[in-house]
PDB file of N, CA and C in Angstrom:
ATOM      1  N   MET A   1     105.790 -42.593  37.527  1.00  0.00           N
ATOM      2  CA  MET A   1     105.884 -41.542  36.521  1.00  0.00           C
ATOM      3  C   MET A   1     107.109 -41.738  35.605  1.00  0.00           C
ATOM      4  N   THR A   2     108.159 -42.344  36.148  1.00  0.00           N
ATOM      5  CA  THR A   2     109.354 -42.533  35.318  1.00  0.00           C
ATOM      6  C   THR A   2     109.201 -43.706  34.358  1.00  0.00           C
ATOM      7  N   GLY A   3     108.217 -44.539  34.560  1.00  0.00           N
ATOM      8  CA  GLY A   3     108.026 -45.724  33.732  1.00  0.00           C
ATOM      9  C   GLY A   3     107.736 -45.411  32.276  1.00  0.00           C
ATOM     10  N   PRO A   4     106.663 -44.718  31.956  1.00  0.00           N
ATOM     11  CA  PRO A   4     106.332 -44.504  30.545  1.00  0.00           C
ATOM     12  C   PRO A   4     107.377 -43.719  29.749  1.00  0.00           C
ATOM     13  N   PRO A   5     107.938 -42.605  30.272  1.00  0.00           N
ATOM     14  CA  PRO A   5     108.962 -41.922  29.459  1.00  0.00           C
ATOM     15  C   PRO A   5     110.188 -42.802  29.206  1.00  0.00           C
ATOM     16  N   LEU A   6     110.582 -43.561  30.214  1.00  0.00           N
ATOM     17  CA  LEU A   6     111.727 -44.453  30.046  1.00  0.00           C
ATOM     18  C   LEU A   6     111.409 -45.537  29.019  1.00  0.00           C
ATOM     19  N   LEU A   7     110.213 -46.082  29.104  1.00  0.00           N
ATOM     20  CA  LEU A   7     109.789 -47.106  28.152  1.00  0.00           C
ATOM     21  C   LEU A   7     109.735 -46.550  26.729  1.00  0.00           C
ATOM     22  N   SER A   8     109.198 -45.354  26.574  1.00  0.00           N
ATOM     23  CA  SER A   8     109.136 -44.755  25.235  1.00  0.00           C
ATOM     24  C   SER A   8     110.535 -44.441  24.717  1.00  0.00           C
ATOM     25  N   PHE A   9     111.447 -44.061  25.624  1.00  0.00           N
ATOM     26  CA  PHE A   9     112.829 -43.793  25.222  1.00  0.00           C
ATOM     27  C   PHE A   9     113.494 -45.073  24.716  1.00  0.00           C
ATOM     28  N   ILE A  10     113.270 -46.182  25.443  1.00  0.00           N
ATOM     29  CA  ILE A  10     113.862 -47.466  25.040  1.00  0.00           C
ATOM     30  C   ILE A  10     113.297 -47.909  23.691  1.00  0.00           C
ATOM     31  N   ILE A  11     111.993 -47.782  23.526  1.00  0.00           N
ATOM     32  CA  ILE A  11     111.364 -48.155  22.251  1.00  0.00           C
ATOM     33  C   ILE A  11     111.914 -47.299  21.117  1.00  0.00           C
ATOM     34  N   GLN A  12     112.068 -46.010  21.379  1.00  0.00           N
ATOM     35  CA  GLN A  12     112.597 -45.110  20.352  1.00  0.00           C
ATOM     36  C   GLN A  12     114.045 -45.464  20.033  1.00  0.00           C
ATOM     37  N   ALA A  13     114.831 -45.778  21.055  1.00  0.00           N
ATOM     38  CA  ALA A  13     116.238 -46.133  20.837  1.00  0.00           C
ATOM     39  C   ALA A  13     116.349 -47.386  19.982  1.00  0.00           C
ATOM     40  N   PHE A  14     115.508 -48.390  20.264  1.00  0.00           N
ATOM     41  CA  PHE A  14     115.564 -49.622  19.487  1.00  0.00           C
ATOM     42  C   PHE A  14     115.035 -49.445  18.073  1.00  0.00           C
ATOM     43  N   SER A  15     114.148 -48.506  17.866  1.00  0.00           N
ATOM     44  CA  SER A  15     113.636 -48.299  16.511  1.00  0.00           C
ATOM     45  C   SER A  15     114.608 -47.478  15.670  1.00  0.00           C
ATOM     46  N   VAL A  16     115.402 -46.625  16.315  1.00  0.00           N
ATOM     47  CA  VAL A  16     116.369 -45.794  15.584  1.00  0.00           C
ATOM     48  C   VAL A  16     117.640 -46.584  15.291  1.00  0.00           C
ATOM     49  N   THR A  17     118.045 -47.458  16.192  1.00  0.00           N
ATOM     50  CA  THR A  17     119.306 -48.181  16.046  1.00  0.00           C
ATOM     51  C   THR A  17     119.393 -48.981  14.744  1.00  0.00           C
ATOM     52  N   PRO A  18     118.394 -49.789  14.381  1.00  0.00           N
ATOM     53  CA  PRO A  18     118.509 -50.509  13.095  1.00  0.00           C
ATOM     54  C   PRO A  18     118.639 -49.565  11.906  1.00  0.00           C
ATOM     55  N   PHE A  19     117.955 -48.435  11.975  1.00  0.00           N
ATOM     56  CA  PHE A  19     118.068 -47.457  10.887  1.00  0.00           C
ATOM     57  C   PHE A  19     119.496 -46.938  10.785  1.00  0.00           C
ATOM     58  N   LEU A  20     120.110 -46.626  11.941  1.00  0.00           N
ATOM     59  CA  LEU A  20     121.483 -46.115  11.928  1.00  0.00           C
ATOM     60  C   LEU A  20     122.460 -47.173  11.433  1.00  0.00           C
ATOM     61  N   ILE A  21     122.228 -48.422  11.855  1.00  0.00           N
ATOM     62  CA  ILE A  21     123.102 -49.506  11.391  1.00  0.00           C
ATOM     63  C   ILE A  21     122.976 -49.663   9.880  1.00  0.00           C
ATOM     64  N   ARG A  22     121.756 -49.626   9.373  1.00  0.00           N
ATOM     65  CA  ARG A  22     121.528 -49.727   7.932  1.00  0.00           C
ATOM     66  C   ARG A  22     122.195 -48.559   7.206  1.00  0.00           C
ATOM     67  N   GLU A  23     122.042 -47.359   7.765  1.00  0.00           N
ATOM     68  CA  GLU A  23     122.625 -46.160   7.148  1.00  0.00           C
ATOM     69  C   GLU A  23     124.148 -46.268   7.113  1.00  0.00           C
ATOM     70  N   LYS A  24     124.740 -46.745   8.198  1.00  0.00           N
ATOM     71  CA  LYS A  24     126.197 -46.890   8.271  1.00  0.00           C
ATOM     72  C   LYS A  24     126.670 -47.925   7.249  1.00  0.00           C
ATOM     73  N   ARG A  25     125.936 -49.028   7.135  1.00  0.00           N
ATOM     74  CA  ARG A  25     126.289 -50.073   6.170  1.00  0.00           C
ATOM     75  C   ARG A  25     126.208 -49.525   4.749  1.00  0.00           C
ATOM     76  N   PHE A  26     125.160 -48.764   4.464  1.00  0.00           N
ATOM     77  CA  PHE A  26     124.998 -48.159   3.140  1.00  0.00           C
ATOM     78  C   PHE A  26     126.151 -47.207   2.852  1.00  0.00           C
ATOM     79  N   GLN A  27     126.541 -46.422   3.871  1.00  0.00           N
ATOM     80  CA  GLN A  27     127.636 -45.462   3.697  1.00  0.00           C
ATOM     81  C   GLN A  27     128.945 -46.197   3.413  1.00  0.00           C
ATOM     82  N   LYS A  28     129.206 -47.312   4.123  1.00  0.00           N
ATOM     83  CA  LYS A  28     130.431 -48.079   3.880  1.00  0.00           C
ATOM     84  C   LYS A  28     130.444 -48.644   2.464  1.00  0.00           C
ATOM     85  N   ASN A  29     129.296 -49.171   2.015  1.00  0.00           N
ATOM     86  CA  ASN A  29     129.222 -49.700   0.652  1.00  0.00           C
ATOM     87  C   ASN A  29     129.466 -48.604  -0.370  1.00  0.00           C
ATOM     88  N   GLU A  30     128.912 -47.428  -0.111  1.00  0.00           N
ATOM     89  CA  GLU A  30     129.099 -46.296  -1.023  1.00  0.00           C
ATOM     90  C   GLU A  30     130.569 -45.885  -1.064  1.00  0.00           C
ATOM     91  N   GLU A  31     131.228 -45.869   0.107  1.00  0.00           N
ATOM     92  CA  GLU A  31     132.649 -45.524   0.156  1.00  0.00           C
ATOM     93  C   GLU A  31     133.478 -46.555  -0.605  1.00  0.00           C
ATOM     94  N   LYS A  32     133.136 -47.833  -0.458  1.00  0.00           N
ATOM     95  CA  LYS A  32     133.861 -48.878  -1.194  1.00  0.00           C
ATOM     96  C   LYS A  32     133.690 -48.692  -2.694  1.00  0.00           C
ATOM     97  N   ARG A  33     132.465 -48.355  -3.117  1.00  0.00           N
ATOM     98  CA  ARG A  33     132.225 -48.122  -4.548  1.00  0.00           C
ATOM     99  C   ARG A  33     133.047 -46.946  -5.059  1.00  0.00           C
ATOM    100  N   LEU A  34     133.114 -45.872  -4.265  1.00  0.00           N
ATOM    101  CA  LEU A  34     133.875 -44.695  -4.689  1.00  0.00           C
ATOM    102  C   LEU A  34     135.360 -45.005  -4.787  1.00  0.00           C
ATOM    103  N   VAL A  35     135.888 -45.755  -3.821  1.00  0.00           N
ATOM    104  CA  VAL A  35     137.305 -46.128  -3.862  1.00  0.00           C
ATOM    105  C   VAL A  35     137.572 -47.008  -5.077  1.00  0.00           C
ATOM    106  N   PHE A  36     136.706 -47.973  -5.325  1.00  0.00           N
ATOM    107  CA  PHE A  36     136.855 -48.859  -6.480  1.00  0.00           C
ATOM    108  C   PHE A  36     136.817 -48.054  -7.778  1.00  0.00           C
ATOM    109  N   PHE A  37     135.870 -47.111  -7.870  1.00  0.00           N
ATOM    110  CA  PHE A  37     135.757 -46.273  -9.057  1.00  0.00           C
ATOM    111  C   PHE A  37     137.013 -45.423  -9.244  1.00  0.00           C
ATOM    112  N   ALA A  38     137.552 -44.884  -8.147  1.00  0.00           N
ATOM    113  CA  ALA A  38     138.770 -44.070  -8.232  1.00  0.00           C
ATOM    114  C   ALA A  38     139.943 -44.911  -8.721  1.00  0.00           C
ATOM    115  N   ILE A  39     140.049 -46.136  -8.217  1.00  0.00           N
ATOM    116  CA  ILE A  39     141.142 -47.017  -8.655  1.00  0.00           C
ATOM    117  C   ILE A  39     141.006 -47.333 -10.139  1.00  0.00           C
ATOM    118  N   ILE A  40     139.787 -47.617 -10.589  1.00  0.00           N
ATOM    119  CA  ILE A  40     139.555 -47.900 -12.010  1.00  0.00           C
ATOM    120  C   ILE A  40     139.939 -46.689 -12.857  1.00  0.00           C
ATOM    121  N   CYS A  41     139.548 -45.493 -12.420  1.00  0.00           N
ATOM    122  CA  CYS A  41     139.881 -44.276 -13.173  1.00  0.00           C
ATOM    123  C   CYS A  41     141.389 -44.074 -13.253  1.00  0.00           C
ATOM    124  N   ILE A  42     142.081 -44.302 -12.138  1.00  0.00           N
ATOM    125  CA  ILE A  42     143.538 -44.140 -12.132  1.00  0.00           C
ATOM    126  C   ILE A  42     144.180 -45.152 -13.077  1.00  0.00           C
ATOM    127  N   LEU A  43     143.718 -46.401 -13.026  1.00  0.00           N
ATOM    128  CA  LEU A  43     144.281 -47.426 -13.915  1.00  0.00           C
ATOM    129  C   LEU A  43     144.015 -47.109 -15.378  1.00  0.00           C
ATOM    130  N   GLU A  44     142.827 -46.602 -15.679  1.00  0.00           N
ATOM    131  CA  GLU A  44     142.515 -46.218 -17.062  1.00  0.00           C
ATOM    132  C   GLU A  44     143.426 -45.084 -17.520  1.00  0.00           C
ATOM    133  N   LYS A  45     143.670 -44.125 -16.634  1.00  0.00           N
ATOM    134  CA  LYS A  45     144.538 -43.004 -16.990  1.00  0.00           C
ATOM    135  C   LYS A  45     145.965 -43.487 -17.227  1.00  0.00           C
ATOM    136  N   VAL A  46     146.432 -44.383 -16.365  1.00  0.00           N
ATOM    137  CA  VAL A  46     147.776 -44.947 -16.542  1.00  0.00           C
ATOM    138  C   VAL A  46     147.849 -45.700 -17.863  1.00  0.00           C
ATOM    139  N   LYS A  47     146.798 -46.478 -18.161  1.00  0.00           N
ATOM    140  CA  LYS A  47     146.777 -47.240 -19.413  1.00  0.00           C
ATOM    141  C   LYS A  47     146.805 -46.299 -20.616  1.00  0.00           C
ATOM    142  N   LEU A  48     146.031 -45.220 -20.557  1.00  0.00           N
ATOM    143  CA  LEU A  48     146.035 -44.255 -21.659  1.00  0.00           C
ATOM    144  C   LEU A  48     147.392 -43.584 -21.798  1.00  0.00           C
ATOM    145  N   ASN A  49     148.008 -43.242 -20.667  1.00  0.00           N
ATOM    146  CA  ASN A  49     149.339 -42.636 -20.720  1.00  0.00           C
ATOM    147  C   ASN A  49     150.354 -43.601 -21.312  1.00  0.00           C
ATOM    148  N   MET A  50     150.235 -44.881 -20.953  1.00  0.00           N
ATOM    149  CA  MET A  50     151.154 -45.873 -21.502  1.00  0.00           C
ATOM    150  C   MET A  50     150.947 -46.015 -23.011  1.00  0.00           C
ATOM    151  N   LYS A  51     149.684 -46.062 -23.441  1.00  0.00           N
ATOM    152  CA  LYS A  51     149.409 -46.157 -24.877  1.00  0.00           C
ATOM    153  C   LYS A  51     149.971 -44.943 -25.605  1.00  0.00           C
ATOM    154  N   PHE A  52     149.763 -43.759 -25.034  1.00  0.00           N
ATOM    155  CA  PHE A  52     150.265 -42.540 -25.652  1.00  0.00           C
ATOM    156  C   PHE A  52     151.786 -42.572 -25.723  1.00  0.00           C
ATOM    157  N   THR A  53     152.431 -43.010 -24.641  1.00  0.00           N
ATOM    158  CA  THR A  53     153.894 -43.072 -24.619  1.00  0.00           C
ATOM    159  C   THR A  53     154.403 -44.054 -25.664  1.00  0.00           C
ATOM    160  N   TYR A  54     153.783 -45.236 -25.713  1.00  0.00           N
ATOM    161  CA  TYR A  54     154.225 -46.220 -26.701  1.00  0.00           C
ATOM    162  C   TYR A  54     153.978 -45.742 -28.125  1.00  0.00           C
ATOM    163  N   SER A  55     152.852 -45.097 -28.378  1.00  0.00           N
ATOM    164  CA  SER A  55     152.592 -44.613 -29.732  1.00  0.00           C
ATOM    165  C   SER A  55     153.562 -43.488 -30.085  1.00  0.00           C
ATOM    166  N   LYS A  56     153.905 -42.651 -29.100  1.00  0.00           N
ATOM    167  CA  LYS A  56     154.864 -41.577 -29.347  1.00  0.00           C
ATOM    168  C   LYS A  56     156.243 -42.169 -29.639  1.00  0.00           C
ATOM    169  N   LEU A  57     156.639 -43.177 -28.860  1.00  0.00           N
ATOM    170  CA  LEU A  57     157.933 -43.824 -29.101  1.00  0.00           C
ATOM    171  C   LEU A  57     157.954 -44.509 -30.464  1.00  0.00           C
ATOM    172  N   PHE A  58     156.854 -45.163 -30.827  1.00  0.00           N
ATOM    173  CA  PHE A  58     156.759 -45.813 -32.128  1.00  0.00           C
ATOM    174  C   PHE A  58     156.886 -44.779 -33.243  1.00  0.00           C
ATOM    175  N   TYR A  59     156.211 -43.633 -33.083  1.00  0.00           N
ATOM    176  CA  TYR A  59     156.273 -42.568 -34.079  1.00  0.00           C
ATOM    177  C   TYR A  59     157.699 -42.025 -34.191  1.00  0.00           C
ATOM    178  N   LEU A  60     158.370 -41.830 -33.045  1.00  0.00           N
ATOM    179  CA  LEU A  60     159.748 -41.328 -33.074  1.00  0.00           C
ATOM    180  C   LEU A  60     160.676 -42.326 -33.762  1.00  0.00           C
ATOM    181  N   LYS A  61     160.506 -43.614 -33.468  1.00  0.00           N
ATOM    182  CA  LYS A  61     161.335 -44.628 -34.134  1.00  0.00           C
ATOM    183  C   LYS A  61     161.060 -44.648 -35.630  1.00  0.00           C
ATOM    184  N   LEU A  62     159.797 -44.512 -36.004  1.00  0.00           N
ATOM    185  CA  LEU A  62     159.424 -44.494 -37.408  1.00  0.00           C
ATOM    186  C   LEU A  62     160.066 -43.301 -38.107  1.00  0.00           C
ATOM    187  N   CYS A  63     160.014 -42.143 -37.460  1.00  0.00           N
ATOM    188  CA  CYS A  63     160.631 -40.948 -38.045  1.00  0.00           C
ATOM    189  C   CYS A  63     162.141 -41.109 -38.157  1.00  0.00           C
ATOM    190  N   GLN A  64     162.756 -41.712 -37.135  1.00  0.00           N
ATOM    191  CA  GLN A  64     164.203 -41.904 -37.169  1.00  0.00           C
ATOM    192  C   GLN A  64     164.591 -42.894 -38.267  1.00  0.00           C
ATOM    193  N   SER A  65     163.780 -43.913 -38.463  1.00  0.00           N
ATOM    194  CA  SER A  65     164.118 -44.907 -39.487  1.00  0.00           C
ATOM    195  C   SER A  65     163.962 -44.321 -40.891  1.00  0.00           C
ATOM    196  N   LYS A  66     163.071 -43.337 -41.052  1.00  0.00           N
ATOM    197  CA  LYS A  66     162.896 -42.689 -42.352  1.00  0.00           C
ATOM    198  C   LYS A  66     163.907 -41.567 -42.557  1.00  0.00           C
ATOM    199  N   GLY A  67     164.616 -41.194 -41.483  1.00  0.00           N
ATOM    200  CA  GLY A  67     165.620 -40.154 -41.594  1.00  0.00           C
ATOM    201  C   GLY A  67     165.060 -38.752 -41.452  1.00  0.00           C
ATOM    202  N   GLU A  68     163.894 -38.601 -40.857  1.00  0.00           N
ATOM    203  CA  GLU A  68     163.292 -37.269 -40.692  1.00  0.00           C
ATOM    204  C   GLU A  68     163.757 -36.624 -39.421  1.00  0.00           C
TER     205      GLU A  68
END
């Protein structure tokens, strides 16, 4: 009597395991994409801040050279 339920449990375990492994792999790839996207966004923001700072400094120097 213990044979068939145990056998069905083993079959079910082996059929679920590849799905879980695939799901975990997909989740890791998704996390890597999110981290990469966050880093890109931070770098873009830093680049924009640097451009703004340099343009502001250029404008201030221009105003100072004109005597304003």
